[in-house]
Every structure is written in C-alpha cells, then in structure tokens.
Amino acid sequence: MFSKPRSIAAHVLTIQVVFALVVAALSVLLAYRWADRLVEETTRTRVVTIAATLAATDDVRDAVSASTDPEGDLADVVARELDRTGADFIVVMSPDGIRYTHPTPELVGERFVGTIAPAQQGGTVLEDYEGSLGLSTRTVVPVLVDGQVEGLVSVGLQRTRVDDALRALVPDIAIAGGAVALLSGLGAWVAARRVREATRGLNAREVRRLDDHHEAVLHTIHEGLIISDPDGRLQVVNPEAQRLLGLRATDVGRTLEDLELSGALRDMIASPDRHVDVPHVSGGRTLLVSSGPVRRHGTVVATLTTLRDRTELADLTGRLGDANALADALHAQAHEAANRLHTVITLIELGRAEEAVEFATEELRTSQRARDAVVAALQEPSVAALVLGKTAQAAERGILLELDPDAHLPRGVVPARSAVTILGNLVDNAIDALTQVEGSEPKVITVDIQTGEGTVVFVVADNGPGLVDDALRHAFEKGWSTKAATAPGGRGLGLALVQQTVQLLGGSVSVGPPPGASFMVTLPVTAQVGSGS
C-alpha cells in the first residue's frame, strides 16, 4: 500500500525544524568562537595591564635602578602583587634578562627564557610561550627611569587557566543555543499550523491538482467569472469576464471603484446579497449577471459573480419574434378567413348568392385597404407583419389596434429584429392590460411610429387603467408585473427586455401617467447592421 504524501504543513515544519537546528548549531559555534576570542583578549589585556602597572611603581623602579639588593627588595613587592592580581608568575629582571624574582627560587639569578628584545628597546612583548613554568600567555614590559630602560617585568598566566575560563562559559553558551533551538522550533510549529489551516492539510500534489483544475475551469467555461473580497478588491477575473467587461488580467488586486464599470454592476459584484440573471448592458452586449456570497465557517469571505453573454440569444430571440409575428399574422388571417368563408357559404346555402358575393368582395376590399395602409406606412416588412398580426390577435380579444394615419417607418433606419422586439412586447403588454379591464367601454390600442432627423420614435398607447406611483418606478424591472405568474418563466420579462434592447441601441424609453398607459421609445437612426431585413 502507498502511504499518503505528507502535507505541505508537514514539509514546512520539517524544513523549519532542520533550519532551526542548523541555526542553533551555528549560533553555538559562533558563540564559542566569540567566547574564545573574548577570553584570549581579556587574558592578554590583563597580563599587559598588570605588568605595566607594576613596572610603573616606585618600589620596582627604585629596586632596579638604585638598590644594592634588588632580589630582596622586590620579593615582598612581587609576592603582594601575585596575591592581589592572581597572576601565575611575575618575574622582574635586569635589562639583560637576569632574573631578580621567580616563583622557583632556584631560578633567581638565571637568564630569562623567552623573547625580551622589543622590551629592551622600550617596547612590549606579548606571546604564548612554553617556559620553565609550562605553556603560558606572557608579556614583557620595560621599567623606565628617566626614559632609560633600567629593568624588565614579565607577567604570565598559564594556558590551563585560560582554557578553564573558556570551559566555564560553555554551559551558558549551550543554554543559549538550546533556547534558540527551542524558540525556533516553537516558531516553526506555529508557522506550520498556520500553513495547515491555510492549505487545509493538503499536500503539494493535491494543491498542484487543484491549481490545474482552477486554471482549467477559469479558461474553459463559457461564462465570465469574477471573485471579489469583502473590501471590494478583485481576486479572480477569468478571460471570458475580461472579454465581456473590457477588463485586463492586471486588474486583479484593484478595487471596483478603480474600474470603468457601471454603478449597478459594481454594486452586484460587491454586494453579499444574491442576484440571479439580472439583465445588464455593457459594451454593446446584453449580459445576464448572477452573484452570491462565498461563506467559510459562516463568514462571508468573497463574492462570486458570473456573467452570461445573451447577445446571441437575444439575436435568436429577435428572429423567433419575427417568425412568431408572421405566424400570428397568418393564424389570425386564417381564422378571419375561415369566419368569412363560413359566412359566405351560409349566405349561399340560404339562396342569397348576390349578398354573399357582395359581402366577400367588401371584406376583401376592406382587409386589403388595411393591409395596404400598414405596408405603405411601415416599409420594414417584419414590423408591418408584426402590426398586422397583432391587429388580428387583438381583434380576437375584442380590442381595436389602430396604426396612426401619419405613422412612417422607412426600411433600414433601425435593426428590424430590435424593432420587432420593442414593438411586439409593448403591444403584448397593452393587450394583456386591456384584457383585464371589465366593462363595455371600447378597448383601443394606438401604435405610432415617426421617423425624424436622426431619431425614430415608437409610441404604444392604450385606454386601460395605466400605471401609477410604484408601478411607474418598477415597470421596467425584471420580474415585476401587475399580473400573477402563470407561465413557467414567470412574468415581468417583456418590459425589461424592451429596456435592455433600447439601452443596447443607445436609446431611451419612458412611460406616461394615467389615464391609460403610453410608452414612448426613442432610438437613434442606425446603419442596417444585423437587422435581418
């Protein structure tokens, strides 16, 4: 069986523990080297200080320059200095190196063993030398009387005492090294614990796999994906979101206020509230925006926003609208033709053939005049077919749909599918509103389309109850309606679709107060791009 690879936290802990031990060992070594130098320097400074101080005393100067018995005069002075300073030996000698004093009395009067030439010239000798008392750190300084070298003083400490002083510092160095290792290990444990929390105990292979999956998802999904933190700073923006909103990969880390986004979109991206398929127009595209909070342990740590480009869907919807308009027109005409044919047949059966011919001719003439008037006024075939179909559809519900006699729409001034979307939804909204009205009052819908210099104005008005107060403010919101939702898709889509289509074309839409409802859409005259006419 294969054991699971160690987690990233375990690797971090191992590396940091090894590093802590190495640091502790180096610290102990450096501390030992520092202590060795300190003891050495202290020893050398000590022997030089003792020797120089003793050589400058009057007792020594008088004994080496004027006394007839320097050995006797110096014995007490040297013994006293040995007790006071703790030196291992003090040797006072003549300028030629003949000893006046020595810890071994038999060597008094013998020549000093070691280097004295620099001291004879007024300098100082400092060396490690193995003499009659063994290896020691010693110094030789001159005794000056009136500027002349009248004697020499040597002071020394045996190396065994120096090594003992260094060994006495080893426990303190070891304790300090152990404390460094302990603190470093504790820091490594804390760091490893934080890493474990951050990586959730995953090992390097699992993190690499998650990163691969993360990159694959971001670059292969056909939806824009944006993740922002609670401070409104972008954390993730996939290529599709960059394309849809005109962002760059370098925008990651910037705040939403620094980006050229609409206020409504910024609010949805930053808000911890949930939004589902909210229409938004950006850069000539119709987007459906959904967003929601990302929670960890009950706390909101980010907001995830998805963007779906429904521009192509809107295009297909427009084409479907064209087809529906033609189908409605054909259906209404077929239904009307069936009624007329039934009437003609009945008149013939009743033996009233002349009246049947007169009825059929008049009906045909009236219908043709109406169609000719619509086609003449509305030169865009899809829009003319829509108006004819909606006229018949409204008539089946007892509603009269009239085209203003002065209406005029040249072909190609606005995209045909957009015009069908706008006009079809506004007329459907008016038909639905009048269908709910009870009473014998005539129900009338008036459609007017005027083309001026640079603009096209669509007006759809009805003599229904109209919209007041709250309804006026929310009429174009997705999901809002004065009617109950009866279809699987719900209601409140038609006017929202009108508004986003108008915004996509750079126009404006407004609704007037009662009596009745009057919707006015103003569009700029555009080139015939994507009109499908």
Protein backbone atom coordinates (compact mmCIF):
# COMPACT_ATOMS: atom_id res chain seq x y z
CA MET A 1 0.00 0.00 0.00
CA PHE A 2 1.11 3.53 -0.76
CA SER A 3 1.03 5.99 2.09
CA LYS A 4 -0.46 9.41 1.51
CA PRO A 5 2.22 12.06 0.82
CA ARG A 6 2.91 14.39 3.66
CA SER A 7 1.02 17.65 3.73
CA ILE A 8 2.56 20.98 2.84
CA ALA A 9 2.41 21.91 6.52
CA ALA A 10 4.47 18.82 7.42
CA HIS A 11 7.06 19.73 4.80
CA VAL A 12 7.19 23.28 6.12
CA LEU A 13 7.59 22.02 9.70
CA THR A 14 10.39 19.63 8.72
CA ILE A 15 12.28 22.29 6.77
CA GLN A 16 11.92 24.86 9.52
CA VAL A 17 12.96 22.41 12.27
CA VAL A 18 16.09 21.45 10.30
CA PHE A 19 16.76 25.11 9.66
CA ALA A 20 16.23 25.89 13.37
CA LEU A 21 18.71 23.17 14.39
CA VAL A 22 21.28 24.42 11.89
CA VAL A 23 20.81 27.98 13.13
CA ALA A 24 21.13 26.83 16.75
CA ALA A 25 24.31 24.85 15.97
CA LEU A 26 25.83 27.78 14.10
CA SER A 27 24.83 30.08 16.95
CA VAL A 28 26.55 27.83 19.50
CA LEU A 29 29.66 27.58 17.32
CA LEU A 30 29.81 31.32 16.77
CA ALA A 31 29.19 31.97 20.45
CA TYR A 32 32.01 29.58 21.37
CA ARG A 33 34.35 31.28 18.91
CA TRP A 34 33.34 34.65 20.28
CA ALA A 35 33.91 33.47 23.86
CA ASP A 36 37.31 32.05 22.91
CA ARG A 37 38.37 35.38 21.43
CA LEU A 38 36.95 37.25 24.40
CA VAL A 39 38.84 35.10 26.93
CA GLU A 40 42.02 35.40 24.85
CA GLU A 41 41.74 39.17 24.57
CA THR A 42 40.86 39.51 28.24
CA THR A 43 43.87 37.41 29.24
CA ARG A 44 46.27 39.39 27.08
CA THR A 45 44.86 42.70 28.28
CA ARG A 46 45.09 41.52 31.86
CA VAL A 47 48.75 40.46 31.77
CA VAL A 48 49.77 43.66 29.95
CA THR A 49 47.88 45.80 32.46
CA ILE A 50 49.41 44.01 35.48
CA ALA A 51 52.91 44.22 34.04
CA ALA A 52 52.64 47.88 33.01
CA THR A 53 51.15 48.88 36.37
CA LEU A 54 53.84 47.04 38.31
CA ALA A 55 56.66 48.45 36.15
CA ALA A 56 55.45 51.97 36.86
CA THR A 57 55.51 51.65 40.67
CA ASP A 58 58.22 53.41 42.64
CA ASP A 59 59.13 50.24 44.50
CA VAL A 60 60.08 48.46 41.32
CA ARG A 61 61.78 51.44 39.73
CA ASP A 62 63.88 52.13 42.82
CA ALA A 63 64.76 48.46 43.26
CA VAL A 64 66.05 48.00 39.69
CA SER A 65 67.84 51.36 39.44
CA ALA A 66 69.29 52.14 42.88
CA SER A 67 69.04 49.15 45.20
CA THR A 68 72.11 47.13 46.11
CA ASP A 69 69.88 44.12 46.81
CA PRO A 70 67.12 44.12 44.18
CA GLU A 71 66.24 40.47 44.88
CA GLY A 72 65.43 41.19 48.49
CA ASP A 73 63.70 44.48 47.84
CA LEU A 74 61.49 43.03 45.15
CA ALA A 75 60.49 39.75 46.85
CA ASP A 76 57.76 41.28 49.03
CA VAL A 77 56.51 43.55 46.24
CA VAL A 78 56.15 40.64 43.81
CA ALA A 79 54.53 38.37 46.41
CA ARG A 80 51.99 41.05 47.21
CA GLU A 81 51.18 41.61 43.53
CA LEU A 82 50.79 37.88 42.95
CA ASP A 83 48.19 37.71 45.72
CA ARG A 84 46.40 40.82 44.50
CA THR A 85 46.25 40.12 40.76
CA GLY A 86 46.06 36.31 40.69
CA ALA A 87 48.82 36.07 38.08
CA ASP A 88 50.67 32.77 37.83
CA PHE A 89 54.08 34.37 37.77
CA ILE A 90 55.76 37.78 37.94
CA VAL A 91 59.41 37.97 37.00
CA VAL A 92 61.45 41.16 37.43
CA MET A 93 64.81 41.14 35.69
CA SER A 94 67.68 43.31 34.68
CA PRO A 95 67.86 44.89 31.26
CA ASP A 96 69.98 41.96 30.20
CA GLY A 97 67.35 39.42 31.30
CA ILE A 98 68.91 38.27 34.59
CA ARG A 99 66.06 37.33 36.94
CA TYR A 100 65.65 39.22 40.21
CA THR A 101 62.50 37.26 41.11
CA HIS A 102 60.91 33.95 40.09
CA PRO A 103 58.29 31.61 41.57
CA THR A 104 61.03 28.96 41.66
CA PRO A 105 63.77 30.41 43.93
CA GLU A 106 66.48 28.22 42.34
CA LEU A 107 65.98 30.08 39.05
CA VAL A 108 66.64 33.52 40.55
CA GLY A 109 69.84 34.86 39.04
CA GLU A 110 69.37 32.80 35.89
CA ARG A 111 68.67 34.28 32.47
CA PHE A 112 65.00 34.73 31.49
CA VAL A 113 63.78 32.22 28.93
CA GLY A 114 61.72 33.95 26.22
CA THR A 115 61.64 37.00 23.99
CA ILE A 116 62.83 40.26 25.56
CA ALA A 117 64.47 42.18 22.73
CA PRO A 118 61.48 44.50 21.97
CA ALA A 119 61.14 45.31 25.67
CA GLN A 120 64.85 46.13 25.88
CA GLN A 121 64.16 48.74 23.24
CA GLY A 122 61.25 50.22 25.22
CA GLY A 123 58.51 48.18 23.54
CA THR A 124 56.15 45.45 24.77
CA VAL A 125 56.34 41.71 24.20
CA LEU A 126 53.11 39.68 24.17
CA GLU A 127 53.26 35.98 23.32
CA ASP A 128 52.29 32.42 24.13
CA TYR A 129 55.50 30.74 25.21
CA GLU A 130 56.43 27.50 26.91
CA GLY A 131 58.99 28.40 29.51
CA SER A 132 60.17 26.93 32.77
CA LEU A 133 56.62 27.05 34.18
CA GLY A 134 54.99 25.48 31.12
CA LEU A 135 52.89 27.00 28.29
CA SER A 136 51.62 30.43 29.24
CA THR A 137 50.42 33.74 27.88
CA ARG A 138 53.05 36.24 28.93
CA THR A 139 54.12 39.80 28.42
CA VAL A 140 57.42 41.62 28.97
CA VAL A 141 57.41 45.39 29.53
CA PRO A 142 60.31 47.76 30.33
CA VAL A 143 60.89 49.56 33.63
CA LEU A 144 61.69 53.12 32.63
CA VAL A 145 63.62 55.51 34.84
CA ASP A 146 64.21 58.93 33.35
CA GLY A 147 63.45 57.50 29.96
CA GLN A 148 66.06 54.75 30.25
CA VAL A 149 65.33 51.03 30.45
CA GLU A 150 66.58 50.04 33.90
CA GLY A 151 64.81 46.68 34.13
CA LEU A 152 62.14 44.38 32.69
CA VAL A 153 58.90 42.96 34.16
CA SER A 154 57.27 39.79 32.87
CA VAL A 155 53.75 38.70 33.91
CA GLY A 156 52.13 35.47 32.76
CA LEU A 157 49.01 33.29 33.06
CA GLN A 158 49.27 29.60 32.38
CA ARG A 159 47.21 28.38 29.39
CA THR A 160 45.47 25.78 31.53
CA ARG A 161 43.79 28.59 33.48
CA VAL A 162 42.80 30.32 30.25
CA ASP A 163 41.25 27.08 28.94
CA ASP A 164 39.43 26.58 32.24
CA ALA A 165 37.90 30.06 31.92
CA LEU A 166 36.70 29.22 28.42
CA ARG A 167 35.21 25.89 29.54
CA ALA A 168 33.34 27.71 32.31
CA LEU A 169 31.44 29.64 29.61
CA VAL A 170 30.38 26.52 27.70
CA PRO A 171 27.25 25.79 29.84
CA ASP A 172 25.97 29.33 29.28
CA ILE A 173 26.61 29.02 25.55
CA ALA A 174 24.84 25.65 25.45
CA ILE A 175 21.85 27.05 27.35
CA ALA A 176 21.62 30.00 24.94
CA GLY A 177 21.86 27.64 21.96
CA GLY A 178 19.15 25.41 23.40
CA ALA A 179 16.91 28.44 23.93
CA VAL A 180 17.46 29.49 20.31
CA ALA A 181 16.62 25.97 19.12
CA LEU A 182 13.51 25.83 21.32
CA LEU A 183 12.20 29.23 20.20
CA SER A 184 12.95 28.41 16.55
CA GLY A 185 11.15 25.08 16.89
CA LEU A 186 8.17 26.79 18.51
CA GLY A 187 8.07 29.34 15.68
CA ALA A 188 8.28 26.51 13.14
CA TRP A 189 5.35 24.74 14.80
CA VAL A 190 3.23 27.91 14.80
CA ALA A 191 4.09 28.62 11.16
CA ALA A 192 3.31 25.01 10.17
CA ARG A 193 -0.04 25.22 11.96
CA ARG A 194 -0.94 28.39 10.09
CA VAL A 195 0.11 26.77 6.81
CA ARG A 196 -2.03 23.73 7.63
CA GLU A 197 -5.04 25.98 8.25
CA ALA A 198 -4.41 27.91 5.04
CA THR A 199 -3.89 24.79 2.90
CA ARG A 200 -6.48 22.69 4.78
CA GLY A 201 -3.97 19.91 5.31
CA LEU A 202 -3.44 19.32 1.58
CA ASN A 203 -0.19 18.00 0.23
CA ALA A 204 1.76 19.54 -2.64
CA ARG A 205 0.33 17.15 -5.23
CA GLU A 206 -3.24 17.95 -4.18
CA VAL A 207 -2.57 21.70 -4.26
CA ARG A 208 -0.99 21.36 -7.72
CA ARG A 209 -4.01 19.38 -8.91
CA LEU A 210 -6.40 21.98 -7.50
CA ASP A 211 -4.44 24.74 -9.21
CA ASP A 212 -4.61 22.84 -12.51
CA HIS A 213 -8.37 22.39 -12.09
CA HIS A 214 -8.72 26.05 -11.14
CA GLU A 215 -6.90 27.19 -14.27
CA ALA A 216 -8.85 24.72 -16.42
CA VAL A 217 -12.20 25.95 -15.09
CA LEU A 218 -11.30 29.62 -15.47
CA HIS A 219 -10.14 29.23 -19.06
CA THR A 220 -12.66 26.71 -20.42
CA ILE A 221 -16.06 27.78 -19.07
CA HIS A 222 -18.10 29.97 -21.40
CA GLU A 223 -19.24 32.26 -18.60
CA GLY A 224 -17.44 35.24 -17.17
CA LEU A 225 -16.29 34.64 -13.59
CA ILE A 226 -15.36 37.34 -11.09
CA ILE A 227 -14.42 36.85 -7.43
CA SER A 228 -14.02 39.85 -5.14
CA ASP A 229 -13.12 40.04 -1.46
CA PRO A 230 -15.25 41.79 1.21
CA ASP A 231 -13.25 45.01 0.64
CA GLY A 232 -14.40 45.13 -3.00
CA ARG A 233 -11.00 44.15 -4.39
CA LEU A 234 -10.84 41.83 -7.40
CA GLN A 235 -9.25 38.45 -6.69
CA VAL A 236 -10.11 36.43 -9.80
CA VAL A 237 -11.15 37.58 -13.30
CA ASN A 238 -11.23 34.85 -15.93
CA PRO A 239 -10.59 35.56 -19.64
CA GLU A 240 -14.30 35.48 -20.52
CA ALA A 241 -15.06 38.16 -17.90
CA GLN A 242 -12.17 40.21 -19.26
CA ARG A 243 -13.67 39.95 -22.74
CA LEU A 244 -17.22 40.80 -21.70
CA LEU A 245 -16.35 43.77 -19.48
CA GLY A 246 -13.19 45.03 -21.19
CA LEU A 247 -11.01 44.20 -18.18
CA ARG A 248 -7.36 43.09 -18.10
CA ALA A 249 -5.52 40.40 -16.18
CA THR A 250 -3.57 43.18 -14.44
CA ASP A 251 -6.83 44.46 -12.90
CA VAL A 252 -6.65 41.68 -10.31
CA GLY A 253 -5.96 43.32 -6.96
CA ARG A 254 -7.61 46.62 -7.91
CA THR A 255 -10.76 47.89 -6.20
CA LEU A 256 -14.06 48.05 -8.04
CA GLU A 257 -14.06 51.86 -7.77
CA ASP A 258 -10.89 51.93 -9.89
CA LEU A 259 -12.54 50.06 -12.77
CA GLU A 260 -14.69 51.50 -15.54
CA LEU A 261 -17.84 49.59 -14.62
CA SER A 262 -21.39 50.83 -14.20
CA GLY A 263 -22.58 51.54 -10.68
CA ALA A 264 -25.25 48.82 -10.82
CA LEU A 265 -22.71 46.17 -11.88
CA ARG A 266 -20.21 47.29 -9.20
CA ASP A 267 -22.94 47.02 -6.58
CA MET A 268 -23.83 43.48 -7.63
CA ILE A 269 -20.18 42.35 -7.67
CA ALA A 270 -19.51 43.83 -4.22
CA SER A 271 -22.86 43.03 -2.60
CA PRO A 272 -23.14 39.96 -0.33
CA ASP A 273 -26.77 39.61 -1.48
CA ARG A 274 -27.78 37.01 -4.04
CA HIS A 275 -28.79 38.06 -7.57
CA VAL A 276 -29.97 35.72 -10.33
CA ASP A 277 -29.90 36.50 -14.06
CA VAL A 278 -30.14 40.28 -13.77
CA PRO A 279 -30.04 41.84 -17.29
CA HIS A 280 -27.16 44.22 -17.84
CA VAL A 281 -25.97 46.01 -20.97
CA SER A 282 -22.22 46.56 -21.25
CA GLY A 283 -20.09 47.45 -24.26
CA GLY A 284 -22.88 46.68 -26.73
CA ARG A 285 -23.56 43.30 -25.14
CA THR A 286 -26.57 42.02 -23.26
CA LEU A 287 -25.40 40.13 -20.17
CA LEU A 288 -27.18 38.11 -17.52
CA VAL A 289 -25.45 38.73 -14.19
CA SER A 290 -25.72 36.39 -11.20
CA SER A 291 -23.86 36.86 -7.94
CA GLY A 292 -23.81 35.42 -4.44
CA PRO A 293 -21.68 35.31 -1.29
CA VAL A 294 -18.98 32.73 -0.59
CA ARG A 295 -19.04 31.76 3.07
CA ARG A 296 -16.48 29.98 5.23
CA HIS A 297 -17.49 28.96 8.74
CA GLY A 298 -20.48 31.29 8.47
CA THR A 299 -18.41 34.32 7.47
CA VAL A 300 -18.60 35.97 4.05
CA VAL A 301 -15.09 35.74 2.59
CA ALA A 302 -15.82 36.65 -1.03
CA THR A 303 -18.50 37.36 -3.62
CA LEU A 304 -18.71 35.23 -6.77
CA THR A 305 -20.25 36.78 -9.86
CA THR A 306 -20.98 35.05 -13.16
CA LEU A 307 -21.69 36.76 -16.47
CA ARG A 308 -23.55 35.12 -19.33
CA ASP A 309 -23.48 36.72 -22.75
CA ARG A 310 -27.02 36.57 -24.08
CA THR A 311 -26.34 38.81 -27.08
CA GLU A 312 -26.55 35.81 -29.40
CA LEU A 313 -29.60 34.57 -27.50
CA ALA A 314 -31.22 37.98 -27.92
CA ASP A 315 -30.43 37.78 -31.62
CA LEU A 316 -32.08 34.36 -31.83
CA THR A 317 -34.99 35.68 -29.78
CA GLY A 318 -35.41 38.50 -32.28
CA ARG A 319 -35.50 36.04 -35.15
CA LEU A 320 -38.02 33.96 -33.25
CA GLY A 321 -40.04 37.13 -32.71
CA ASP A 322 -40.04 37.71 -36.46
CA ALA A 323 -41.26 34.17 -37.03
CA ASN A 324 -43.88 34.48 -34.27
CA ALA A 325 -45.13 37.74 -35.71
CA LEU A 326 -45.55 36.18 -39.14
CA ALA A 327 -47.14 33.10 -37.60
CA ASP A 328 -49.56 35.25 -35.59
CA ALA A 329 -50.47 37.17 -38.71
CA LEU A 330 -51.06 34.02 -40.70
CA HIS A 331 -53.03 32.44 -37.86
CA ALA A 332 -55.22 35.50 -37.42
CA GLN A 333 -55.77 35.80 -41.15
CA ALA A 334 -56.59 32.10 -41.40
CA HIS A 335 -59.04 32.42 -38.52
CA GLU A 336 -60.61 35.53 -40.04
CA ALA A 337 -60.71 33.92 -43.48
CA ALA A 338 -62.44 30.88 -42.01
CA ASN A 339 -65.11 33.09 -40.43
CA ARG A 340 -65.66 34.98 -43.70
CA LEU A 341 -65.76 31.78 -45.71
CA HIS A 342 -68.27 30.32 -43.27
CA THR A 343 -70.42 33.44 -43.65
CA VAL A 344 -70.26 33.32 -47.47
CA ILE A 345 -71.16 29.60 -47.52
CA THR A 346 -74.11 30.18 -45.20
CA LEU A 347 -75.42 33.05 -47.38
CA ILE A 348 -75.17 30.81 -50.45
CA GLU A 349 -76.98 28.00 -48.65
CA LEU A 350 -79.72 30.47 -47.81
CA GLY A 351 -80.05 31.26 -51.53
CA ARG A 352 -78.65 34.74 -51.15
CA ALA A 353 -75.74 34.44 -53.58
CA GLU A 354 -75.63 38.11 -54.56
CA GLU A 355 -75.31 39.16 -50.92
CA ALA A 356 -72.61 36.52 -50.45
CA VAL A 357 -70.60 37.94 -53.36
CA GLU A 358 -71.11 41.50 -52.11
CA PHE A 359 -70.00 40.51 -48.57
CA ALA A 360 -66.93 38.68 -49.77
CA THR A 361 -65.92 41.49 -52.09
CA GLU A 362 -66.37 44.20 -49.44
CA GLU A 363 -64.48 42.23 -46.80
CA LEU A 364 -61.66 41.54 -49.20
CA ARG A 365 -61.55 45.21 -50.21
CA THR A 366 -61.57 46.39 -46.58
CA SER A 367 -58.85 43.94 -45.47
CA GLN A 368 -56.72 44.81 -48.48
CA ARG A 369 -57.03 48.54 -47.78
CA ALA A 370 -55.98 47.98 -44.17
CA ARG A 371 -53.03 45.84 -45.18
CA ASP A 372 -52.01 48.26 -47.90
CA ALA A 373 -52.11 51.15 -45.45
CA VAL A 374 -49.91 49.30 -42.97
CA VAL A 375 -47.43 48.14 -45.61
CA ALA A 376 -47.27 51.65 -47.11
CA ALA A 377 -46.62 53.26 -43.74
CA LEU A 378 -44.26 50.61 -42.41
CA GLN A 379 -41.76 49.80 -45.13
CA GLU A 380 -39.90 47.37 -42.85
CA PRO A 381 -41.60 44.03 -43.74
CA SER A 382 -41.06 42.41 -40.33
CA VAL A 383 -42.57 45.38 -38.49
CA ALA A 384 -45.52 45.57 -40.92
CA ALA A 385 -46.18 41.84 -40.49
CA LEU A 386 -46.00 42.28 -36.72
CA VAL A 387 -48.58 45.08 -36.72
CA LEU A 388 -50.94 43.12 -38.97
CA GLY A 389 -50.62 40.01 -36.81
CA LYS A 390 -51.10 41.93 -33.55
CA THR A 391 -54.13 43.71 -35.06
CA ALA A 392 -55.82 40.39 -35.74
CA GLN A 393 -54.70 38.97 -32.39
CA ALA A 394 -56.13 41.98 -30.55
CA ALA A 395 -59.37 41.79 -32.50
CA GLU A 396 -59.89 38.21 -31.30
CA ARG A 397 -59.86 39.60 -27.75
CA GLY A 398 -62.26 42.41 -28.55
CA ILE A 399 -59.52 45.04 -28.74
CA LEU A 400 -59.09 47.50 -31.58
CA LEU A 401 -55.44 48.08 -32.61
CA GLU A 402 -55.05 51.20 -34.75
CA LEU A 403 -52.00 52.45 -36.61
CA ASP A 404 -51.72 56.22 -36.59
CA PRO A 405 -52.51 57.59 -40.07
CA ASP A 406 -49.29 59.63 -40.03
CA ALA A 407 -47.08 56.69 -38.96
CA HIS A 408 -43.98 56.20 -41.06
CA LEU A 409 -41.02 53.82 -40.80
CA PRO A 410 -38.58 53.66 -43.72
CA ARG A 411 -36.75 50.44 -44.26
CA GLY A 412 -33.31 50.03 -42.66
CA VAL A 413 -33.33 53.00 -40.23
CA VAL A 414 -33.32 50.70 -37.19
CA PRO A 415 -32.45 46.98 -36.80
CA ALA A 416 -35.62 45.12 -37.73
CA ARG A 417 -35.33 42.45 -35.04
CA SER A 418 -34.84 45.08 -32.36
CA ALA A 419 -37.87 46.99 -33.64
CA VAL A 420 -39.95 43.79 -33.57
CA THR A 421 -38.76 43.04 -30.01
CA ILE A 422 -39.63 46.52 -28.78
CA LEU A 423 -42.94 46.98 -30.57
CA GLY A 424 -44.10 43.38 -30.04
CA ASN A 425 -43.53 43.45 -26.28
CA LEU A 426 -45.15 46.86 -25.87
CA VAL A 427 -48.24 45.77 -27.83
CA ASP A 428 -48.42 42.47 -25.92
CA ASN A 429 -48.21 44.41 -22.66
CA ALA A 430 -51.06 46.67 -23.79
CA ILE A 431 -53.22 43.70 -24.91
CA ASP A 432 -52.68 41.97 -21.55
CA ALA A 433 -53.55 45.16 -19.68
CA LEU A 434 -56.80 45.73 -21.64
CA THR A 435 -57.79 42.07 -21.37
CA GLN A 436 -58.07 42.51 -17.62
CA VAL A 437 -60.35 45.55 -17.97
CA GLU A 438 -64.05 44.78 -17.44
CA GLY A 439 -66.91 46.74 -18.91
CA SER A 440 -68.40 47.67 -22.28
CA GLU A 441 -66.10 50.60 -22.99
CA PRO A 442 -64.23 50.21 -26.31
CA LYS A 443 -60.70 48.92 -25.80
CA VAL A 444 -58.25 50.66 -28.08
CA ILE A 445 -54.51 50.43 -28.66
CA THR A 446 -52.85 53.08 -30.79
CA VAL A 447 -49.46 52.49 -32.44
CA ASP A 448 -47.49 55.38 -33.86
CA ILE A 449 -44.02 55.31 -35.42
CA GLN A 450 -42.39 58.53 -36.53
CA THR A 451 -39.01 58.97 -38.21
CA GLY A 452 -37.34 62.35 -37.79
CA GLU A 453 -33.84 63.70 -38.26
CA GLY A 454 -31.61 61.16 -36.63
CA THR A 455 -34.29 59.52 -34.45
CA VAL A 456 -37.12 57.03 -34.65
CA VAL A 457 -39.94 57.29 -32.10
CA PHE A 458 -42.23 54.36 -31.22
CA VAL A 459 -45.40 55.16 -29.25
CA VAL A 460 -47.78 52.47 -27.98
CA ALA A 461 -50.76 53.82 -26.03
CA ASP A 462 -53.91 52.18 -24.65
CA ASN A 463 -57.01 53.38 -22.85
CA GLY A 464 -56.61 50.95 -19.96
CA PRO A 465 -56.02 51.75 -16.27
CA GLY A 466 -52.40 52.84 -16.83
CA LEU A 467 -49.54 52.78 -14.31
CA VAL A 468 -49.36 54.91 -11.19
CA ASP A 469 -46.89 55.58 -8.38
CA ASP A 470 -44.95 52.41 -7.52
CA ALA A 471 -45.86 50.78 -10.85
CA LEU A 472 -44.27 53.65 -12.78
CA ARG A 473 -41.00 53.26 -10.87
CA HIS A 474 -40.74 49.48 -11.24
CA ALA A 475 -42.31 48.92 -14.67
CA PHE A 476 -39.02 48.00 -16.37
CA GLU A 477 -37.59 45.82 -13.60
CA LYS A 478 -37.09 42.16 -14.46
CA GLY A 479 -39.67 40.01 -12.65
CA TRP A 480 -42.01 42.89 -11.81
CA SER A 481 -45.57 42.67 -13.17
CA THR A 482 -49.11 43.68 -12.32
CA LYS A 483 -50.21 40.15 -13.28
CA ALA A 484 -49.73 36.85 -11.49
CA ALA A 485 -47.08 34.50 -12.86
CA THR A 486 -48.84 31.79 -14.83
CA ALA A 487 -46.11 30.55 -17.14
CA PRO A 488 -43.04 28.54 -16.16
CA GLY A 489 -40.85 31.51 -16.96
CA GLY A 490 -42.94 33.86 -14.85
CA ARG A 491 -43.86 37.39 -15.86
CA GLY A 492 -42.12 40.72 -15.78
CA LEU A 493 -39.81 39.92 -18.72
CA GLY A 494 -41.34 41.87 -21.63
CA LEU A 495 -40.73 45.43 -20.46
CA ALA A 496 -37.31 44.50 -19.04
CA LEU A 497 -36.39 43.10 -22.46
CA VAL A 498 -37.64 46.30 -24.07
CA GLN A 499 -35.48 48.43 -21.82
CA GLN A 500 -32.29 46.44 -22.31
CA THR A 501 -32.84 46.37 -26.11
CA VAL A 502 -33.34 50.14 -26.10
CA GLN A 503 -30.19 50.61 -23.99
CA LEU A 504 -28.26 48.36 -26.34
CA LEU A 505 -29.23 50.63 -29.22
CA GLY A 506 -28.39 53.77 -27.25
CA GLY A 507 -31.97 54.99 -26.97
CA SER A 508 -34.41 55.83 -24.18
CA VAL A 509 -37.79 54.60 -23.02
CA SER A 510 -40.42 56.28 -20.86
CA VAL A 511 -43.98 55.71 -19.74
CA GLY A 512 -46.60 58.34 -19.12
CA PRO A 513 -49.05 58.55 -16.20
CA PRO A 514 -52.79 57.74 -16.42
CA PRO A 515 -55.28 57.95 -17.93
CA GLY A 516 -54.20 54.97 -19.97
CA ALA A 517 -50.63 53.83 -20.47
CA SER A 518 -48.41 55.48 -23.08
CA PHE A 519 -44.96 54.04 -23.74
CA MET A 520 -42.51 56.10 -25.79
CA VAL A 521 -39.25 54.69 -27.16
CA THR A 522 -36.73 56.97 -28.84
CA LEU A 523 -33.97 55.33 -30.89
CA PRO A 524 -31.14 56.84 -32.90
CA VAL A 525 -31.18 56.09 -36.61
CA THR A 526 -28.58 53.38 -37.13
CA ALA A 527 -26.98 51.59 -40.05
CA GLN A 528 -28.69 48.44 -41.10
CA VAL A 529 -26.33 46.15 -39.18
CA GLY A 530 -27.79 42.85 -38.07
CA SER A 531 -31.29 43.90 -38.91
CA GLY A 532 -32.06 40.77 -40.76
CA SER A 533 -34.48 42.64 -43.06
